[in-house]
């Protein structure tokens, strides 16, 4: 009976490997036919990262796509990321394989709610985390990423800053600036799952490991970190660090790339529950459907696009950080 089970499992693995190769070959064929590139965020599934032309953080990928000669951009991420690509590359076709791959934090603020907040603080500047919709970016003074948020805030003349939508990143910025930060009560549900106890337990098991956490984490988690870094910041730091072990406090998809680029080092997730289900919606099959059927095209109305791009351009003038 055990012999039969082993043979059966081997047959299943062979079938899956064959199907995987068929999907990869089909994607390569479609990319060539459509003059397309595939962008994958660092939190995507491993096989999606592996088939992508570029893997990175959200805004960095959009910038890369804007300078590429591709006609079609397939963005494997969540909604606001595909919108950012459409803002920077209005002449290209931007496809989002899974239309339901929405960012919960970006959905926690709307243009209407931002208008009301601005009325409460008429002298404040609005700093908008890149994890927001195009329509919210269009009502903001300047955008920021997790790596340049402090620099962006400190570059402004205003002393009061409405910081949207992530309260944890806002708190991190507030601890590193003299300006008054008015936070919006949004958060990333995935990063919010990482608890101080998770970090302390892993540190007890791996006492030599460095603790790297994303600033979207809770303040009590951030306080335990050796380094607070964006995803791109973690990748750069690990590459030059002499440490051999790292406890990683962010969505576990990043561990695929960390391990791939640093095979001699060990990466321990702060918790196995730090999984964004929306990020994991994209698959090789949905990439194929997107390329075959031109699904789903992401468009940003021109007036909104121009205003949102202005907020992004102002950020670029300040610098990215890391």
Protein backbone atom coordinates (compact mmCIF):
# COMPACT_ATOMS: atom_id res chain seq x y z
CA UNK A 1 0.00 0.00 0.00
CA UNK A 2 2.82 2.41 0.91
CA UNK A 3 4.59 1.58 -2.38
CA UNK A 4 1.41 2.45 -4.31
CA UNK A 5 1.10 5.78 -2.45
CA UNK A 6 4.69 6.73 -3.29
CA UNK A 7 4.18 5.90 -6.98
CA UNK A 8 0.92 7.86 -7.01
CA UNK A 9 2.56 10.92 -5.43
CA UNK A 10 5.41 10.76 -7.94
CA UNK A 11 2.92 10.63 -10.83
CA UNK A 12 1.10 13.68 -9.47
CA UNK A 13 4.38 15.60 -9.15
CA UNK A 14 5.35 14.74 -12.73
CA UNK A 15 1.92 15.86 -13.99
CA UNK A 16 2.21 19.15 -12.08
CA UNK A 17 5.74 19.78 -13.35
CA UNK A 18 4.62 19.12 -16.92
CA UNK A 19 1.64 21.45 -16.54
CA UNK A 20 3.89 24.10 -15.02
CA UNK A 21 6.31 23.91 -17.95
CA UNK A 22 3.42 24.10 -20.41
CA UNK A 23 2.18 27.27 -18.67
CA UNK A 24 5.65 28.81 -18.67
CA UNK A 25 6.13 28.10 -22.37
CA UNK A 26 2.70 29.51 -23.19
CA UNK A 27 3.44 32.71 -21.24
CA UNK A 28 6.75 33.15 -23.07
CA UNK A 29 4.99 32.71 -26.41
CA UNK A 30 2.26 35.23 -25.55
CA UNK A 31 4.78 37.77 -24.24
CA UNK A 32 6.60 37.66 -27.55
CA UNK A 33 3.38 37.96 -29.58
CA UNK A 34 2.07 40.90 -27.54
CA UNK A 35 5.40 42.64 -26.83
CA UNK A 36 4.50 42.32 -23.15
CA UNK A 37 6.40 42.37 -19.88
CA UNK A 38 5.34 40.81 -16.60
CA UNK A 39 5.82 42.68 -13.33
CA UNK A 40 5.58 40.81 -10.03
CA UNK A 41 5.53 42.34 -6.58
CA UNK A 42 7.82 40.85 -3.94
CA UNK A 43 4.77 39.33 -2.20
CA UNK A 44 3.63 37.26 -5.18
CA UNK A 45 3.72 33.45 -5.35
CA UNK A 46 7.16 32.02 -6.06
CA UNK A 47 6.29 30.69 -9.53
CA UNK A 48 4.83 34.08 -10.50
CA UNK A 49 8.00 35.83 -9.35
CA UNK A 50 10.08 33.33 -11.31
CA UNK A 51 8.24 33.95 -14.60
CA UNK A 52 8.27 37.74 -14.22
CA UNK A 53 10.59 40.02 -16.17
CA UNK A 54 10.91 42.30 -13.16
CA UNK A 55 10.28 41.65 -9.46
CA UNK A 56 10.25 44.48 -6.95
CA UNK A 57 8.22 46.90 -4.87
CA UNK A 58 5.11 48.53 -6.25
CA UNK A 59 6.27 51.94 -7.40
CA UNK A 60 9.70 50.77 -8.51
CA UNK A 61 8.03 48.31 -10.87
CA UNK A 62 5.82 51.02 -12.36
CA UNK A 63 8.87 53.22 -12.98
CA UNK A 64 10.66 50.33 -14.67
CA UNK A 65 7.68 49.64 -16.91
CA UNK A 66 7.43 53.31 -17.92
CA UNK A 67 10.96 53.24 -19.29
CA UNK A 68 10.52 49.89 -21.08
CA UNK A 69 9.58 49.59 -24.75
CA UNK A 70 6.85 47.02 -24.10
CA UNK A 71 3.34 47.67 -25.42
CA UNK A 72 1.63 45.62 -22.71
CA UNK A 73 2.28 45.55 -18.96
CA UNK A 74 0.95 42.60 -16.95
CA UNK A 75 1.02 43.69 -13.31
CA UNK A 76 0.91 40.85 -10.81
CA UNK A 77 0.12 42.67 -7.60
CA UNK A 78 -2.96 44.46 -6.28
CA UNK A 79 -5.20 47.17 -7.70
CA UNK A 80 -3.37 50.37 -6.74
CA UNK A 81 -0.15 48.99 -8.26
CA UNK A 82 -1.71 48.47 -11.67
CA UNK A 83 -3.19 51.97 -11.41
CA UNK A 84 0.26 53.42 -10.71
CA UNK A 85 1.57 51.73 -13.85
CA UNK A 86 -1.34 53.21 -15.83
CA UNK A 87 -0.62 56.66 -14.37
CA UNK A 88 3.02 56.56 -15.46
CA UNK A 89 2.44 54.73 -18.78
CA UNK A 90 -0.84 56.03 -20.26
CA UNK A 91 0.25 54.99 -23.76
CA UNK A 92 0.65 51.33 -22.74
CA UNK A 93 -1.97 48.66 -22.07
CA UNK A 94 -1.90 47.70 -18.39
CA UNK A 95 -3.43 44.33 -17.55
CA UNK A 96 -4.36 43.09 -14.08
CA UNK A 97 -4.75 39.27 -14.17
CA UNK A 98 -7.04 39.10 -11.14
CA UNK A 99 -9.47 42.00 -10.87
CA UNK A 100 -10.43 40.99 -7.32
CA UNK A 101 -6.85 41.39 -6.10
CA UNK A 102 -7.67 44.52 -4.11
CA UNK A 103 -5.55 46.11 -1.38
CA UNK A 104 -7.56 46.21 1.88
CA UNK A 105 -5.55 49.14 3.24
CA UNK A 106 -6.02 51.21 0.08
CA UNK A 107 -9.77 50.58 0.41
CA UNK A 108 -9.75 52.13 3.92
CA UNK A 109 -9.72 55.67 2.51
CA UNK A 110 -11.86 57.25 -0.21
CA UNK A 111 -11.67 60.62 -1.99
CA UNK A 112 -14.80 61.69 -0.11
CA UNK A 113 -13.39 60.84 3.33
CA UNK A 114 -10.12 62.57 2.48
CA UNK A 115 -11.99 65.76 1.51
CA UNK A 116 -13.65 65.81 4.94
CA UNK A 117 -10.29 65.32 6.68
CA UNK A 118 -8.73 68.17 4.71
CA UNK A 119 -11.56 70.46 5.82
CA UNK A 120 -10.67 69.72 9.48
CA UNK A 121 -7.03 70.69 8.93
CA UNK A 122 -6.96 73.37 6.21
CA UNK A 123 -3.30 74.28 6.85
CA UNK A 124 -2.01 70.72 6.68
CA UNK A 125 -0.30 69.09 3.71
CA UNK A 126 -1.52 65.67 2.62
CA UNK A 127 1.12 62.96 2.32
CA UNK A 128 -0.29 59.94 0.61
CA UNK A 129 1.31 56.50 0.90
CA UNK A 130 1.65 54.93 -2.52
CA UNK A 131 -0.71 52.18 -1.29
CA UNK A 132 -3.79 54.21 -2.27
CA UNK A 133 -6.12 54.54 -5.21
CA UNK A 134 -5.43 56.93 -8.07
CA UNK A 135 -8.41 59.07 -7.03
CA UNK A 136 -6.95 59.50 -3.52
CA UNK A 137 -3.51 60.29 -4.91
CA UNK A 138 -5.15 62.96 -7.08
CA UNK A 139 -6.31 64.79 -3.93
CA UNK A 140 -2.94 64.57 -2.18
CA UNK A 141 -0.07 67.05 -2.20
CA UNK A 142 2.66 64.43 -2.48
CA UNK A 143 3.07 60.66 -2.41
CA UNK A 144 5.58 58.59 -0.48
CA UNK A 145 6.81 55.02 -0.24
CA UNK A 146 7.70 53.14 2.92
CA UNK A 147 11.37 53.85 2.23
CA UNK A 148 11.16 57.61 1.67
CA UNK A 149 8.21 58.61 3.90
CA UNK A 150 10.37 60.43 6.46
CA UNK A 151 12.31 62.27 3.77
CA UNK A 152 9.09 63.31 2.01
CA UNK A 153 7.51 64.63 5.21
CA UNK A 154 10.64 66.57 6.16
CA UNK A 155 10.83 68.13 2.68
CA UNK A 156 7.52 69.96 3.12
CA UNK A 157 7.11 73.54 4.34
CA UNK A 158 3.97 72.75 6.32
CA UNK A 159 4.27 71.86 10.00
CA UNK A 160 1.09 69.76 10.02
CA UNK A 161 0.86 66.64 7.89
CA UNK A 162 -2.21 64.53 7.20
CA UNK A 163 -0.65 61.11 6.61
CA UNK A 164 -2.81 58.55 4.81
CA UNK A 165 -3.83 55.76 5.01
CA UNK A 166 -1.47 53.66 7.18
CA UNK A 167 -1.51 54.57 10.87
CA UNK A 168 1.52 52.34 11.60
CA UNK A 169 3.70 53.98 8.96
CA UNK A 170 2.40 57.35 10.19
CA UNK A 171 3.49 56.48 13.73
CA UNK A 172 6.92 55.44 12.48
CA UNK A 173 7.27 58.75 10.63
CA UNK A 174 6.02 60.71 13.67
CA UNK A 175 8.78 59.15 15.77
CA UNK A 176 11.36 60.40 13.28
CA UNK A 177 10.24 63.96 12.55
CA UNK A 178 9.45 67.15 14.46
CA UNK A 179 6.36 67.81 12.37
CA UNK A 180 2.87 67.13 13.67
CA UNK A 181 1.55 63.96 12.01
CA UNK A 182 -2.20 63.50 11.74
CA UNK A 183 -2.66 59.79 10.99
CA UNK A 184 -5.51 58.14 9.15
CA UNK A 185 -6.86 55.03 10.90
CA UNK A 186 -5.94 52.54 8.19
CA UNK A 187 -3.62 49.55 8.35
CA UNK A 188 -2.38 46.50 6.45
CA UNK A 189 -4.25 43.45 7.80
CA UNK A 190 -1.36 41.15 6.89
CA UNK A 191 1.33 43.15 8.69
CA UNK A 192 -1.08 43.65 11.59
CA UNK A 193 -1.04 39.86 12.14
CA UNK A 194 2.61 40.02 13.17
CA UNK A 195 2.74 40.27 16.96
CA UNK A 196 5.57 41.05 19.41
CA UNK A 197 5.26 37.51 20.76
CA UNK A 198 5.98 36.11 17.31
CA UNK A 199 9.21 38.08 17.10
CA UNK A 200 10.30 37.18 20.65
CA UNK A 201 9.64 33.46 20.14
CA UNK A 202 11.66 33.36 16.93
CA UNK A 203 14.45 35.37 18.54
CA UNK A 204 14.58 32.89 21.40
CA UNK A 205 14.99 30.03 18.91
CA UNK A 206 17.41 31.98 16.70
CA UNK A 207 19.38 34.25 19.05
CA UNK A 208 21.95 35.21 16.40
CA UNK A 209 19.34 36.27 13.83
CA UNK A 210 18.84 39.92 12.91
CA UNK A 211 15.26 41.16 13.11
CA UNK A 212 14.08 43.05 10.02
CA UNK A 213 10.54 44.42 9.97
CA UNK A 214 8.44 46.53 7.63
CA UNK A 215 7.21 49.92 8.94
CA UNK A 216 3.62 48.80 8.23
CA UNK A 217 3.97 46.58 11.32
CA UNK A 218 2.54 47.52 14.72
CA UNK A 219 4.67 49.98 16.74
CA UNK A 220 5.39 47.34 19.41
CA UNK A 221 6.77 45.07 16.68
CA UNK A 222 8.80 47.89 15.13
CA UNK A 223 10.35 48.59 18.55
CA UNK A 224 11.82 45.06 18.61
CA UNK A 225 13.51 45.34 15.21
CA UNK A 226 17.19 45.69 14.51
CA UNK A 227 16.26 47.38 11.24
CA UNK A 228 12.98 48.86 9.95
CA UNK A 229 13.01 48.60 6.17
CA UNK A 230 10.87 48.49 3.04
CA UNK A 231 10.93 45.29 0.97
CA UNK A 232 13.60 46.71 -1.34
CA UNK A 233 15.47 47.96 1.73
CA UNK A 234 15.46 44.44 3.21
CA UNK A 235 16.82 42.97 -0.02
CA UNK A 236 19.66 45.49 -0.14
CA UNK A 237 20.48 45.17 3.55
CA UNK A 238 20.58 41.36 3.56
CA UNK A 239 22.86 41.29 0.50
CA UNK A 240 25.55 43.29 2.27
CA UNK A 241 25.06 42.01 5.83
CA UNK A 242 27.53 39.57 7.42
CA UNK A 243 24.72 37.93 9.39
CA UNK A 244 23.66 34.42 8.39
CA UNK A 245 20.13 34.40 9.84
CA UNK A 246 17.28 36.89 9.62
CA UNK A 247 13.82 37.04 11.14
CA UNK A 248 11.66 38.72 8.51
CA UNK A 249 8.63 40.75 9.63
CA UNK A 250 6.68 41.23 6.42
CA UNK A 251 4.49 39.24 3.99
CA UNK A 252 6.12 35.84 3.53
CA UNK A 253 6.32 36.15 -0.27
CA UNK A 254 9.50 38.18 0.18
CA UNK A 255 11.28 35.12 1.60
CA UNK A 256 11.20 33.49 -1.85
CA UNK A 257 13.30 36.25 -3.36
CA UNK A 258 15.50 36.63 -0.28
CA UNK A 259 16.35 32.92 -0.35
CA UNK A 260 16.83 32.89 -4.11
CA UNK A 261 19.28 35.80 -4.04
CA UNK A 262 21.03 34.72 -0.82
CA UNK A 263 21.11 30.89 -0.81
CA UNK A 264 23.81 30.78 1.86
CA UNK A 265 21.65 32.65 4.36
CA UNK A 266 18.61 31.57 6.37
CA UNK A 267 15.33 33.46 6.54
CA UNK A 268 12.72 32.86 9.21
CA UNK A 269 9.23 34.36 8.85
CA UNK A 270 8.10 36.26 11.92
CA UNK A 271 4.89 34.29 11.56
CA UNK A 272 3.64 31.84 8.95
CA UNK A 273 0.31 33.68 9.04
CA UNK A 274 1.69 36.82 7.39
CA UNK A 275 0.09 35.94 4.05
CA UNK A 276 -1.84 38.42 1.93
CA UNK A 277 -4.56 36.35 0.21
CA UNK A 278 -5.15 39.06 -2.39
CA UNK A 279 -1.48 39.12 -3.40
CA UNK A 280 -1.63 35.36 -3.84
CA UNK A 281 -4.59 35.47 -6.25
CA UNK A 282 -2.36 35.84 -9.30
CA UNK A 283 -1.30 32.54 -10.88
CA UNK A 284 0.40 31.36 -14.06
CA UNK A 285 -3.04 30.46 -15.40
CA UNK A 286 -4.46 33.93 -14.74
CA UNK A 287 -1.44 35.51 -16.46
CA UNK A 288 -2.17 33.38 -19.52
CA UNK A 289 -5.85 34.40 -19.49
CA UNK A 290 -4.87 38.06 -19.18
CA UNK A 291 -2.55 37.89 -22.18
CA UNK A 292 -4.87 35.76 -24.30
CA UNK A 293 -8.00 37.84 -23.68
CA UNK A 294 -6.55 41.28 -22.91
CA UNK A 295 -7.93 41.09 -19.35
CA UNK A 296 -8.33 43.16 -17.28
CA UNK A 297 -7.38 46.53 -18.74
CA UNK A 298 -6.74 49.18 -16.07
CA UNK A 299 -7.58 52.74 -17.09
CA UNK A 300 -7.34 55.92 -15.05
CA UNK A 301 -9.44 58.92 -16.18
CA UNK A 302 -7.15 61.58 -17.64
CA UNK A 303 -7.99 64.32 -15.15
CA UNK A 304 -7.39 61.95 -12.23
CA UNK A 305 -4.25 60.59 -13.88
CA UNK A 306 -2.69 64.05 -14.31
CA UNK A 307 -3.36 65.08 -10.71
CA UNK A 308 -2.15 61.75 -9.30
CA UNK A 309 0.99 61.91 -11.44
CA UNK A 310 1.76 65.36 -10.04
CA UNK A 311 1.80 63.91 -6.50
CA UNK A 312 4.09 61.10 -7.70
CA UNK A 313 6.38 63.51 -9.56
CA UNK A 314 6.75 65.64 -6.43
CA UNK A 315 7.83 62.53 -4.55
CA UNK A 316 10.40 61.65 -7.21
CA UNK A 317 11.86 65.14 -6.92
CA UNK A 318 12.51 64.44 -3.21
CA UNK A 319 14.11 61.04 -3.79
CA UNK A 320 13.18 57.45 -3.09
CA UNK A 321 15.08 56.67 0.08
CA UNK A 322 16.44 53.27 1.18
